[in-house]
Amino acid sequence: MKELTIISGKGGTGKTTLCAAFASLARGKVLTDCDVDAADLHLLLEPTVRHRENFIGGRSYRIDGDLCSECGDCQAACRFDAIYFENGYVIDSLACEQCGLCAIVCPDDEAIVIKDAVNGEWFISDTPFGKLVHARLGIGEDNSGKLVTLVRRQARRIAEEQNLNLIINDGPPGIGCPVTAAITGVDRVLIVTEPTLSGIHDLERVSQLCKHFDIPVLLCINKHDINPINSERIRAYCVANGITLVGEIPFEAAINQAQVARKSVVDFNCGKVSGIVARLWADIETILK
């Protein structure tokens, strides 16, 4: 079984657009959307949810006023100023980091009430292109990478049960914990970048992250023709850092029309871009074998 994660140093470079196209072109695969903070692959794949579960990724803390002696030990110990006094001690759920120190120092048995917290939902869906595992993090909930790991684990389980040989992950942007959770242990990472200063800066950061975990990197430059000088800088960076440049996609206004129609760029007439993306996937598929 092979696993490919598509990421970008910044949002808006086109990774989900490419992932939707690869979903249409690839055979024997399971798809995931690991960008659980702002999942949008489902907008193009139009999934039918077959299974859904709550995601419990943390705990909630509350002070039971009937059991609390108001000694103030919890407030004194809290390093996040999450506990305040207002007709009794109260824990601010937004400031609380769920470290549990308040429960340790509290001398009153069971005055600190600890419960599992529902932080979001995850889904297994059918799409015209196969199974999709995706998730939705709750508003304001912390994304430490646990939900991303759960999504990938479910995708691997489905692939093993159905004897499928490929998992394609639409990864999150940036270099934080969710990205680490989306790339560790995969066979290849495809970085999608654009020839802008912010695109180059974030490409450098995310490629260094992949290098740290010793994951082979492929690179695609999207809208390469909007700034030829910066595109050349990206090519030089690839040569200097041993990164395989697998494709360059020109700007094409019809891609926006495809997105409005909720179609991938290979299932909608996007001019020469449709053929370029099809050849790009053929090359990546050969590399993955």
C-alpha atoms as a PDB file:
ATOM      1  CA  MET A   1       0.000   0.000   0.000  1.00  0.00           C
ATOM      2  CA  LYS A   2       1.257   3.475  -0.942  1.00  0.00           C
ATOM      3  CA  GLU A   3       0.309   6.753   0.693  1.00  0.00           C
ATOM      4  CA  LEU A   4       0.603  10.238  -0.798  1.00  0.00           C
ATOM      5  CA  THR A   5      -0.039  13.463   1.116  1.00  0.00           C
ATOM      6  CA  ILE A   6      -0.565  16.728  -0.749  1.00  0.00           C
ATOM      7  CA  ILE A   7       0.403  19.806   1.258  1.00  0.00           C
ATOM      8  CA  SER A   8       1.314  23.456   0.837  1.00  0.00           C
ATOM      9  CA  GLY A   9       3.218  25.886   2.957  1.00  0.00           C
ATOM     10  CA  LYS A  10       0.294  28.314   2.736  1.00  0.00           C
ATOM     11  CA  GLY A  11      -3.389  28.092   1.945  1.00  0.00           C
ATOM     12  CA  GLY A  12      -4.842  28.761  -1.481  1.00  0.00           C
ATOM     13  CA  THR A  13      -2.097  27.263  -3.646  1.00  0.00           C
ATOM     14  CA  GLY A  14      -4.383  24.664  -5.262  1.00  0.00           C
ATOM     15  CA  LYS A  15      -3.665  21.457  -3.336  1.00  0.00           C
ATOM     16  CA  THR A  16      -7.352  20.557  -2.929  1.00  0.00           C
ATOM     17  CA  THR A  17      -7.955  21.262  -6.614  1.00  0.00           C
ATOM     18  CA  LEU A  18      -5.188  18.801  -7.490  1.00  0.00           C
ATOM     19  CA  CYS A  19      -6.377  16.266  -4.930  1.00  0.00           C
ATOM     20  CA  ALA A  20      -9.877  16.264  -6.460  1.00  0.00           C
ATOM     21  CA  ALA A  21      -8.358  15.725  -9.912  1.00  0.00           C
ATOM     22  CA  PHE A  22      -6.201  12.862  -8.657  1.00  0.00           C
ATOM     23  CA  ALA A  23      -9.305  11.347  -7.043  1.00  0.00           C
ATOM     24  CA  SER A  24     -10.888  11.217 -10.487  1.00  0.00           C
ATOM     25  CA  LEU A  25      -7.783   9.771 -12.159  1.00  0.00           C
ATOM     26  CA  ALA A  26      -6.420   7.309  -9.595  1.00  0.00           C
ATOM     27  CA  ARG A  27      -7.519   3.704  -9.313  1.00  0.00           C
ATOM     28  CA  GLY A  28      -7.857   1.511  -6.206  1.00  0.00           C
ATOM     29  CA  LYS A  29      -7.592   4.310  -3.667  1.00  0.00           C
ATOM     30  CA  VAL A  30      -9.060   5.763  -0.485  1.00  0.00           C
ATOM     31  CA  LEU A  31      -9.276   9.534  -0.112  1.00  0.00           C
ATOM     32  CA  THR A  32      -8.913  11.643   3.014  1.00  0.00           C
ATOM     33  CA  ASP A  33      -9.278  15.294   3.878  1.00  0.00           C
ATOM     34  CA  CYS A  34      -6.760  15.938   6.644  1.00  0.00           C
ATOM     35  CA  ASP A  35      -7.393  19.690   6.680  1.00  0.00           C
ATOM     36  CA  VAL A  36      -9.859  19.242   9.523  1.00  0.00           C
ATOM     37  CA  ASP A  37      -9.792  22.936  10.503  1.00  0.00           C
ATOM     38  CA  ALA A  38     -11.207  23.980   7.133  1.00  0.00           C
ATOM     39  CA  ALA A  39     -12.105  20.865   5.162  1.00  0.00           C
ATOM     40  CA  ASP A  40     -13.247  21.581   1.606  1.00  0.00           C
ATOM     41  CA  LEU A  41     -12.490  18.496  -0.498  1.00  0.00           C
ATOM     42  CA  HIS A  42     -16.091  17.409   0.039  1.00  0.00           C
ATOM     43  CA  LEU A  43     -17.261  20.489  -1.862  1.00  0.00           C
ATOM     44  CA  LEU A  44     -15.816  19.016  -5.066  1.00  0.00           C
ATOM     45  CA  LEU A  45     -16.468  15.319  -4.415  1.00  0.00           C
ATOM     46  CA  GLU A  46     -20.087  15.619  -3.207  1.00  0.00           C
ATOM     47  CA  PRO A  47     -19.904  12.775  -0.656  1.00  0.00           C
ATOM     48  CA  THR A  48     -22.792  10.785   0.786  1.00  0.00           C
ATOM     49  CA  VAL A  49     -22.093  10.202   4.475  1.00  0.00           C
ATOM     50  CA  ARG A  50     -22.367   6.532   5.451  1.00  0.00           C
ATOM     51  CA  HIS A  51     -20.859   6.680   8.935  1.00  0.00           C
ATOM     52  CA  ARG A  52     -20.301   9.484  11.428  1.00  0.00           C
ATOM     53  CA  GLU A  53     -18.889   9.606  14.946  1.00  0.00           C
ATOM     54  CA  ASN A  54     -18.042  12.232  17.500  1.00  0.00           C
ATOM     55  CA  PHE A  55     -14.374  13.020  17.986  1.00  0.00           C
ATOM     56  CA  ILE A  56     -13.283  13.119  21.606  1.00  0.00           C
ATOM     57  CA  GLY A  57      -9.861  14.702  21.623  1.00  0.00           C
ATOM     58  CA  GLY A  58      -9.621  16.267  25.050  1.00  0.00           C
ATOM     59  CA  ARG A  59     -11.302  16.829  28.391  1.00  0.00           C
ATOM     60  CA  SER A  60     -13.392  19.573  29.938  1.00  0.00           C
ATOM     61  CA  TYR A  61     -12.931  20.832  33.493  1.00  0.00           C
ATOM     62  CA  ARG A  62     -15.568  22.332  35.782  1.00  0.00           C
ATOM     63  CA  ILE A  63     -15.637  23.228  39.477  1.00  0.00           C
ATOM     64  CA  ASP A  64     -18.565  21.860  41.473  1.00  0.00           C
ATOM     65  CA  GLY A  65     -19.517  24.741  43.770  1.00  0.00           C
ATOM     66  CA  ASP A  66     -21.243  22.426  46.245  1.00  0.00           C
ATOM     67  CA  LEU A  67     -18.028  20.474  46.853  1.00  0.00           C
ATOM     68  CA  CYS A  68     -15.541  23.355  46.596  1.00  0.00           C
ATOM     69  CA  SER A  69     -14.243  24.818  49.885  1.00  0.00           C
ATOM     70  CA  GLU A  70     -13.001  27.956  48.052  1.00  0.00           C
ATOM     71  CA  CYS A  71      -9.437  27.519  49.276  1.00  0.00           C
ATOM     72  CA  GLY A  72      -8.027  29.065  46.074  1.00  0.00           C
ATOM     73  CA  ASP A  73      -5.286  26.467  45.539  1.00  0.00           C
ATOM     74  CA  CYS A  74      -6.463  25.786  41.994  1.00  0.00           C
ATOM     75  CA  GLN A  75      -6.375  29.453  41.024  1.00  0.00           C
ATOM     76  CA  ALA A  76      -2.907  29.894  42.509  1.00  0.00           C
ATOM     77  CA  ALA A  77      -1.582  26.858  40.623  1.00  0.00           C
ATOM     78  CA  CYS A  78      -3.103  27.632  37.222  1.00  0.00           C
ATOM     79  CA  ARG A  79      -0.431  28.981  34.844  1.00  0.00           C
ATOM     80  CA  PHE A  80      -2.998  30.027  32.238  1.00  0.00           C
ATOM     81  CA  ASP A  81      -5.124  32.338  34.438  1.00  0.00           C
ATOM     82  CA  ALA A  82      -8.082  30.159  33.509  1.00  0.00           C
ATOM     83  CA  ILE A  83      -9.612  30.125  37.018  1.00  0.00           C
ATOM     84  CA  TYR A  84     -11.309  33.157  38.535  1.00  0.00           C
ATOM     85  CA  PHE A  85     -13.621  33.896  41.458  1.00  0.00           C
ATOM     86  CA  GLU A  86     -17.172  35.017  40.769  1.00  0.00           C
ATOM     87  CA  ASN A  87     -19.603  33.859  43.444  1.00  0.00           C
ATOM     88  CA  GLY A  88     -17.341  30.827  43.679  1.00  0.00           C
ATOM     89  CA  TYR A  89     -14.407  29.582  41.621  1.00  0.00           C
ATOM     90  CA  VAL A  90     -15.037  29.154  37.896  1.00  0.00           C
ATOM     91  CA  ILE A  91     -12.898  27.651  35.102  1.00  0.00           C
ATOM     92  CA  ASP A  92     -12.832  29.624  31.852  1.00  0.00           C
ATOM     93  CA  SER A  93     -13.152  26.903  29.186  1.00  0.00           C
ATOM     94  CA  LEU A  94     -11.540  29.086  26.511  1.00  0.00           C
ATOM     95  CA  ALA A  95      -8.449  29.826  28.610  1.00  0.00           C
ATOM     96  CA  CYS A  96      -8.123  26.321  30.070  1.00  0.00           C
ATOM     97  CA  GLU A  97      -5.397  24.153  28.493  1.00  0.00           C
ATOM     98  CA  GLN A  98      -6.695  20.916  30.090  1.00  0.00           C
ATOM     99  CA  CYS A  99      -3.397  20.252  31.862  1.00  0.00           C
ATOM    100  CA  GLY A 100      -5.174  18.848  34.933  1.00  0.00           C
ATOM    101  CA  LEU A 101      -2.997  20.596  37.526  1.00  0.00           C
ATOM    102  CA  CYS A 102      -6.053  22.079  39.259  1.00  0.00           C
ATOM    103  CA  ALA A 103      -7.419  18.592  39.938  1.00  0.00           C
ATOM    104  CA  ILE A 104      -4.048  17.494  41.349  1.00  0.00           C
ATOM    105  CA  VAL A 105      -3.703  20.385  43.838  1.00  0.00           C
ATOM    106  CA  CYS A 106      -7.384  20.491  44.850  1.00  0.00           C
ATOM    107  CA  PRO A 107      -7.777  19.214  48.445  1.00  0.00           C
ATOM    108  CA  ASP A 108     -11.539  18.654  48.011  1.00  0.00           C
ATOM    109  CA  ASP A 109     -12.323  15.246  46.554  1.00  0.00           C
ATOM    110  CA  GLU A 110     -14.246  15.437  43.273  1.00  0.00           C
ATOM    111  CA  ALA A 111     -14.656  19.233  43.391  1.00  0.00           C
ATOM    112  CA  ILE A 112     -12.953  19.387  39.983  1.00  0.00           C
ATOM    113  CA  VAL A 113     -15.301  17.619  37.566  1.00  0.00           C
ATOM    114  CA  ILE A 114     -13.504  16.134  34.549  1.00  0.00           C
ATOM    115  CA  LYS A 115     -15.387  14.910  31.486  1.00  0.00           C
ATOM    116  CA  ASP A 116     -14.446  13.851  27.974  1.00  0.00           C
ATOM    117  CA  ALA A 117     -15.019  16.700  25.540  1.00  0.00           C
ATOM    118  CA  VAL A 118     -16.529  16.320  22.083  1.00  0.00           C
ATOM    119  CA  ASN A 119     -14.244  18.396  19.826  1.00  0.00           C
ATOM    120  CA  GLY A 120     -15.725  17.583  16.428  1.00  0.00           C
ATOM    121  CA  GLU A 121     -16.982  14.838  14.114  1.00  0.00           C
ATOM    122  CA  TRP A 122     -15.461  12.450  11.609  1.00  0.00           C
ATOM    123  CA  PHE A 123     -17.116  10.772   8.654  1.00  0.00           C
ATOM    124  CA  ILE A 124     -16.762   7.923   6.190  1.00  0.00           C
ATOM    125  CA  SER A 125     -18.496   8.785   2.921  1.00  0.00           C
ATOM    126  CA  ASP A 126     -19.103   7.435  -0.546  1.00  0.00           C
ATOM    127  CA  THR A 127     -18.115   9.610  -3.499  1.00  0.00           C
ATOM    128  CA  PRO A 128     -18.218   9.019  -7.261  1.00  0.00           C
ATOM    129  CA  PHE A 129     -14.477   8.299  -6.970  1.00  0.00           C
ATOM    130  CA  GLY A 130     -14.411   5.988  -3.957  1.00  0.00           C
ATOM    131  CA  LYS A 131     -14.402   6.189  -0.184  1.00  0.00           C
ATOM    132  CA  LEU A 132     -13.618   9.493   1.533  1.00  0.00           C
ATOM    133  CA  VAL A 133     -12.656   9.837   5.190  1.00  0.00           C
ATOM    134  CA  HIS A 134     -13.069  13.397   6.397  1.00  0.00           C
ATOM    135  CA  ALA A 135     -13.774  15.371   9.554  1.00  0.00           C
ATOM    136  CA  ARG A 136     -14.994  18.640  10.961  1.00  0.00           C
ATOM    137  CA  LEU A 137     -13.331  20.190  13.986  1.00  0.00           C
ATOM    138  CA  GLY A 138     -15.617  22.110  16.321  1.00  0.00           C
ATOM    139  CA  ILE A 139     -15.553  25.911  16.352  1.00  0.00           C
ATOM    140  CA  GLY A 140     -12.618  27.157  18.395  1.00  0.00           C
ATOM    141  CA  GLU A 141     -11.431  23.647  19.232  1.00  0.00           C
ATOM    142  CA  ASP A 142      -7.736  22.853  19.481  1.00  0.00           C
ATOM    143  CA  ASN A 143      -6.262  20.848  16.583  1.00  0.00           C
ATOM    144  CA  SER A 144      -3.246  19.003  17.937  1.00  0.00           C
ATOM    145  CA  GLY A 145      -3.120  16.444  15.136  1.00  0.00           C
ATOM    146  CA  LYS A 146      -5.145  13.766  16.930  1.00  0.00           C
ATOM    147  CA  LEU A 147      -8.100  14.111  14.562  1.00  0.00           C
ATOM    148  CA  VAL A 148      -5.793  14.005  11.519  1.00  0.00           C
ATOM    149  CA  THR A 149      -4.242  10.805  12.853  1.00  0.00           C
ATOM    150  CA  LEU A 150      -7.696   9.297  13.379  1.00  0.00           C
ATOM    151  CA  VAL A 151      -8.707  10.155   9.785  1.00  0.00           C
ATOM    152  CA  ARG A 152      -5.558   8.525   8.381  1.00  0.00           C
ATOM    153  CA  ARG A 153      -5.992   5.448  10.580  1.00  0.00           C
ATOM    154  CA  GLN A 154      -9.553   4.943   9.331  1.00  0.00           C
ATOM    155  CA  ALA A 155      -8.432   5.337   5.722  1.00  0.00           C
ATOM    156  CA  ARG A 156      -5.759   2.677   6.190  1.00  0.00           C
ATOM    157  CA  ARG A 157      -8.301   0.337   7.768  1.00  0.00           C
ATOM    158  CA  ILE A 158     -10.642   0.747   4.782  1.00  0.00           C
ATOM    159  CA  ALA A 159      -7.804   0.244   2.308  1.00  0.00           C
ATOM    160  CA  GLU A 160      -6.743  -2.981   4.037  1.00  0.00           C
ATOM    161  CA  GLU A 161     -10.318  -4.314   4.256  1.00  0.00           C
ATOM    162  CA  GLN A 162     -11.044  -3.573   0.588  1.00  0.00           C
ATOM    163  CA  ASN A 163      -7.582  -4.550  -0.664  1.00  0.00           C
ATOM    164  CA  LEU A 164      -6.912  -1.082  -2.089  1.00  0.00           C
ATOM    165  CA  ASN A 165      -3.323  -0.074  -2.789  1.00  0.00           C
ATOM    166  CA  LEU A 166      -3.330   3.718  -2.494  1.00  0.00           C
ATOM    167  CA  ILE A 167      -4.299   6.416  -0.003  1.00  0.00           C
ATOM    168  CA  ILE A 168      -4.386  10.051  -1.134  1.00  0.00           C
ATOM    169  CA  ASN A 169      -4.427  12.629   1.671  1.00  0.00           C
ATOM    170  CA  ASP A 170      -5.462  16.238   1.142  1.00  0.00           C
ATOM    171  CA  GLY A 171      -3.253  17.739   3.828  1.00  0.00           C
ATOM    172  CA  PRO A 172      -3.508  20.952   5.836  1.00  0.00           C
ATOM    173  CA  PRO A 173      -1.423  24.050   5.078  1.00  0.00           C
ATOM    174  CA  GLY A 174       1.428  25.324   7.217  1.00  0.00           C
ATOM    175  CA  ILE A 175       4.015  23.460   9.308  1.00  0.00           C
ATOM    176  CA  GLY A 176       2.179  22.851  12.588  1.00  0.00           C
ATOM    177  CA  CYS A 177       1.135  19.668  14.393  1.00  0.00           C
ATOM    178  CA  PRO A 178      -1.704  18.841  11.931  1.00  0.00           C
ATOM    179  CA  VAL A 179       0.792  18.870   9.045  1.00  0.00           C
ATOM    180  CA  THR A 180       3.194  16.652  10.965  1.00  0.00           C
ATOM    181  CA  ALA A 181       0.341  14.236  11.634  1.00  0.00           C
ATOM    182  CA  ALA A 182      -0.558  14.243   7.919  1.00  0.00           C
ATOM    183  CA  ILE A 183       2.925  13.491   6.554  1.00  0.00           C
ATOM    184  CA  THR A 184       4.650  11.158   9.016  1.00  0.00           C
ATOM    185  CA  GLY A 185       5.060   7.683   7.603  1.00  0.00           C
ATOM    186  CA  VAL A 186       3.796   8.433   4.075  1.00  0.00           C
ATOM    187  CA  ASP A 187       5.650   7.292   0.954  1.00  0.00           C
ATOM    188  CA  ARG A 188       5.695  10.677  -0.787  1.00  0.00           C
ATOM    189  CA  VAL A 189       4.711  14.256  -0.095  1.00  0.00           C
ATOM    190  CA  LEU A 190       3.584  16.471  -2.957  1.00  0.00           C
ATOM    191  CA  ILE A 191       4.091  20.159  -2.184  1.00  0.00           C
ATOM    192  CA  VAL A 192       1.970  22.543  -4.231  1.00  0.00           C
ATOM    193  CA  THR A 193       3.376  26.047  -4.364  1.00  0.00           C
ATOM    194  CA  GLU A 194       2.950  29.255  -6.335  1.00  0.00           C
ATOM    195  CA  PRO A 195       5.517  31.765  -7.635  1.00  0.00           C
ATOM    196  CA  THR A 196       4.891  34.462  -5.045  1.00  0.00           C
ATOM    197  CA  LEU A 197       7.160  35.649  -2.244  1.00  0.00           C
ATOM    198  CA  SER A 198       4.905  34.131   0.409  1.00  0.00           C
ATOM    199  CA  GLY A 199       4.653  30.927  -1.627  1.00  0.00           C
ATOM    200  CA  ILE A 200       8.440  30.623  -1.830  1.00  0.00           C
ATOM    201  CA  HIS A 201       8.919  31.408   1.855  1.00  0.00           C
ATOM    202  CA  ASP A 202       6.398  28.824   2.967  1.00  0.00           C
ATOM    203  CA  LEU A 203       7.708  26.260   0.464  1.00  0.00           C
ATOM    204  CA  GLU A 204      11.105  26.509   2.131  1.00  0.00           C
ATOM    205  CA  ARG A 205       9.600  25.986   5.589  1.00  0.00           C
ATOM    206  CA  VAL A 206       7.453  22.993   4.679  1.00  0.00           C
ATOM    207  CA  SER A 207      10.201  21.317   2.628  1.00  0.00           C
ATOM    208  CA  GLN A 208      12.522  21.564   5.631  1.00  0.00           C
ATOM    209  CA  LEU A 209       9.840  19.919   7.732  1.00  0.00           C
ATOM    210  CA  CYS A 210       9.671  17.007   5.289  1.00  0.00           C
ATOM    211  CA  LYS A 211      13.466  16.792   5.264  1.00  0.00           C
ATOM    212  CA  HIS A 212      13.446  16.565   9.062  1.00  0.00           C
ATOM    213  CA  PHE A 213      11.214  13.473   8.857  1.00  0.00           C
ATOM    214  CA  ASP A 214      13.187  12.077   5.895  1.00  0.00           C
ATOM    215  CA  ILE A 215      10.144  11.982   3.595  1.00  0.00           C
ATOM    216  CA  PRO A 216      10.768  12.151  -0.182  1.00  0.00           C
ATOM    217  CA  VAL A 217       9.300  15.337  -1.648  1.00  0.00           C
ATOM    218  CA  LEU A 218       7.750  16.073  -5.033  1.00  0.00           C
ATOM    219  CA  LEU A 219       6.902  19.606  -6.103  1.00  0.00           C
ATOM    220  CA  CYS A 220       4.342  21.202  -8.387  1.00  0.00           C
ATOM    221  CA  ILE A 221       4.322  24.894  -9.282  1.00  0.00           C
ATOM    222  CA  ASN A 222       0.766  26.129  -9.773  1.00  0.00           C
ATOM    223  CA  LYS A 223       0.161  29.237 -11.917  1.00  0.00           C
ATOM    224  CA  HIS A 224       3.836  29.133 -12.851  1.00  0.00           C
ATOM    225  CA  ASP A 225       3.403  31.748 -15.588  1.00  0.00           C
ATOM    226  CA  ILE A 226       2.187  34.601 -13.371  1.00  0.00           C
ATOM    227  CA  ASN A 227       5.768  35.352 -12.303  1.00  0.00           C
ATOM    228  CA  PRO A 228       8.503  33.683 -14.411  1.00  0.00           C
ATOM    229  CA  ILE A 229      11.302  35.079 -12.231  1.00  0.00           C
ATOM    230  CA  ASN A 230       9.910  33.544  -9.049  1.00  0.00           C
ATOM    231  CA  SER A 231       9.181  30.283 -10.869  1.00  0.00           C
ATOM    232  CA  GLU A 232      12.849  30.136 -11.831  1.00  0.00           C
ATOM    233  CA  ARG A 233      13.782  30.716  -8.187  1.00  0.00           C
ATOM    234  CA  ILE A 234      11.621  27.735  -7.223  1.00  0.00           C
ATOM    235  CA  ARG A 235      13.264  25.554  -9.890  1.00  0.00           C
ATOM    236  CA  ALA A 236      16.698  26.528  -8.576  1.00  0.00           C
ATOM    237  CA  TYR A 237      15.593  25.730  -5.030  1.00  0.00           C
ATOM    238  CA  CYS A 238      14.496  22.268  -6.156  1.00  0.00           C
ATOM    239  CA  VAL A 239      17.873  21.590  -7.776  1.00  0.00           C
ATOM    240  CA  ALA A 240      19.782  22.823  -4.740  1.00  0.00           C
ATOM    241  CA  ASN A 241      17.728  20.730  -2.310  1.00  0.00           C
ATOM    242  CA  GLY A 242      17.255  17.530  -4.289  1.00  0.00           C
ATOM    243  CA  ILE A 243      13.500  18.009  -4.755  1.00  0.00           C
ATOM    244  CA  THR A 244      11.830  16.414  -7.777  1.00  0.00           C
ATOM    245  CA  LEU A 245       9.852  18.987  -9.780  1.00  0.00           C
ATOM    246  CA  VAL A 246       7.039  16.908 -11.262  1.00  0.00           C
ATOM    247  CA  GLY A 247       4.855  19.548 -12.841  1.00  0.00           C
ATOM    248  CA  GLU A 248       4.146  23.156 -13.713  1.00  0.00           C
ATOM    249  CA  ILE A 249       0.558  24.286 -14.208  1.00  0.00           C
ATOM    250  CA  PRO A 250      -0.248  27.563 -15.996  1.00  0.00           C
ATOM    251  CA  PHE A 251      -2.893  30.029 -14.850  1.00  0.00           C
ATOM    252  CA  GLU A 252      -6.308  29.141 -16.249  1.00  0.00           C
ATOM    253  CA  ALA A 253      -9.480  31.120 -15.481  1.00  0.00           C
ATOM    254  CA  ALA A 254     -11.667  28.107 -16.288  1.00  0.00           C
ATOM    255  CA  ILE A 255     -10.472  26.413 -13.095  1.00  0.00           C
ATOM    256  CA  ASN A 256     -12.701  28.791 -11.132  1.00  0.00           C
ATOM    257  CA  GLN A 257     -15.612  27.797 -13.350  1.00  0.00           C
ATOM    258  CA  ALA A 258     -14.887  24.130 -12.622  1.00  0.00           C
ATOM    259  CA  GLN A 259     -14.963  24.828  -8.896  1.00  0.00           C
ATOM    260  CA  VAL A 260     -18.296  26.645  -9.195  1.00  0.00           C
ATOM    261  CA  ALA A 261     -19.630  23.623 -11.086  1.00  0.00           C
ATOM    262  CA  ARG A 262     -18.189  21.365  -8.327  1.00  0.00           C
ATOM    263  CA  LYS A 263     -16.079  19.479 -10.857  1.00  0.00           C
ATOM    264  CA  SER A 264     -12.422  18.554 -10.888  1.00  0.00           C
ATOM    265  CA  VAL A 265     -10.175  20.124 -13.522  1.00  0.00           C
ATOM    266  CA  VAL A 266     -10.024  16.806 -15.395  1.00  0.00           C
ATOM    267  CA  ASP A 267     -13.807  16.425 -15.454  1.00  0.00           C
ATOM    268  CA  PHE A 268     -14.386  19.968 -16.737  1.00  0.00           C
ATOM    269  CA  ASN A 269     -13.027  21.668 -19.818  1.00  0.00           C
ATOM    270  CA  CYS A 270     -10.096  23.618 -18.397  1.00  0.00           C
ATOM    271  CA  GLY A 271      -8.203  23.833 -21.673  1.00  0.00           C
ATOM    272  CA  LYS A 272      -4.666  22.531 -21.655  1.00  0.00           C
ATOM    273  CA  VAL A 273      -4.625  22.410 -17.849  1.00  0.00           C
ATOM    274  CA  SER A 274      -6.822  19.306 -17.901  1.00  0.00           C
ATOM    275  CA  GLY A 275      -4.215  17.425 -19.939  1.00  0.00           C
ATOM    276  CA  ILE A 276      -1.293  18.779 -17.900  1.00  0.00           C
ATOM    277  CA  VAL A 277      -2.855  17.586 -14.640  1.00  0.00           C
ATOM    278  CA  ALA A 278      -3.627  14.156 -16.154  1.00  0.00           C
ATOM    279  CA  ARG A 279       0.033  13.779 -17.196  1.00  0.00           C
ATOM    280  CA  LEU A 280       1.141  15.024 -13.776  1.00  0.00           C
ATOM    281  CA  TRP A 281      -0.810  12.254 -12.082  1.00  0.00           C
ATOM    282  CA  ALA A 282       0.552   9.643 -14.505  1.00  0.00           C
ATOM    283  CA  ASP A 283       4.094  10.699 -13.559  1.00  0.00           C
ATOM    284  CA  ILE A 284       3.328  10.631  -9.816  1.00  0.00           C
ATOM    285  CA  GLU A 285       1.682   7.229 -10.143  1.00  0.00           C
ATOM    286  CA  THR A 286       4.832   5.884 -11.805  1.00  0.00           C
ATOM    287  CA  ILE A 287       7.000   7.309  -9.000  1.00  0.00           C
ATOM    288  CA  LEU A 288       4.785   5.712  -6.343  1.00  0.00           C
ATOM    289  CA  LYS A 289       5.081   2.213  -7.831  1.00  0.00           C
END
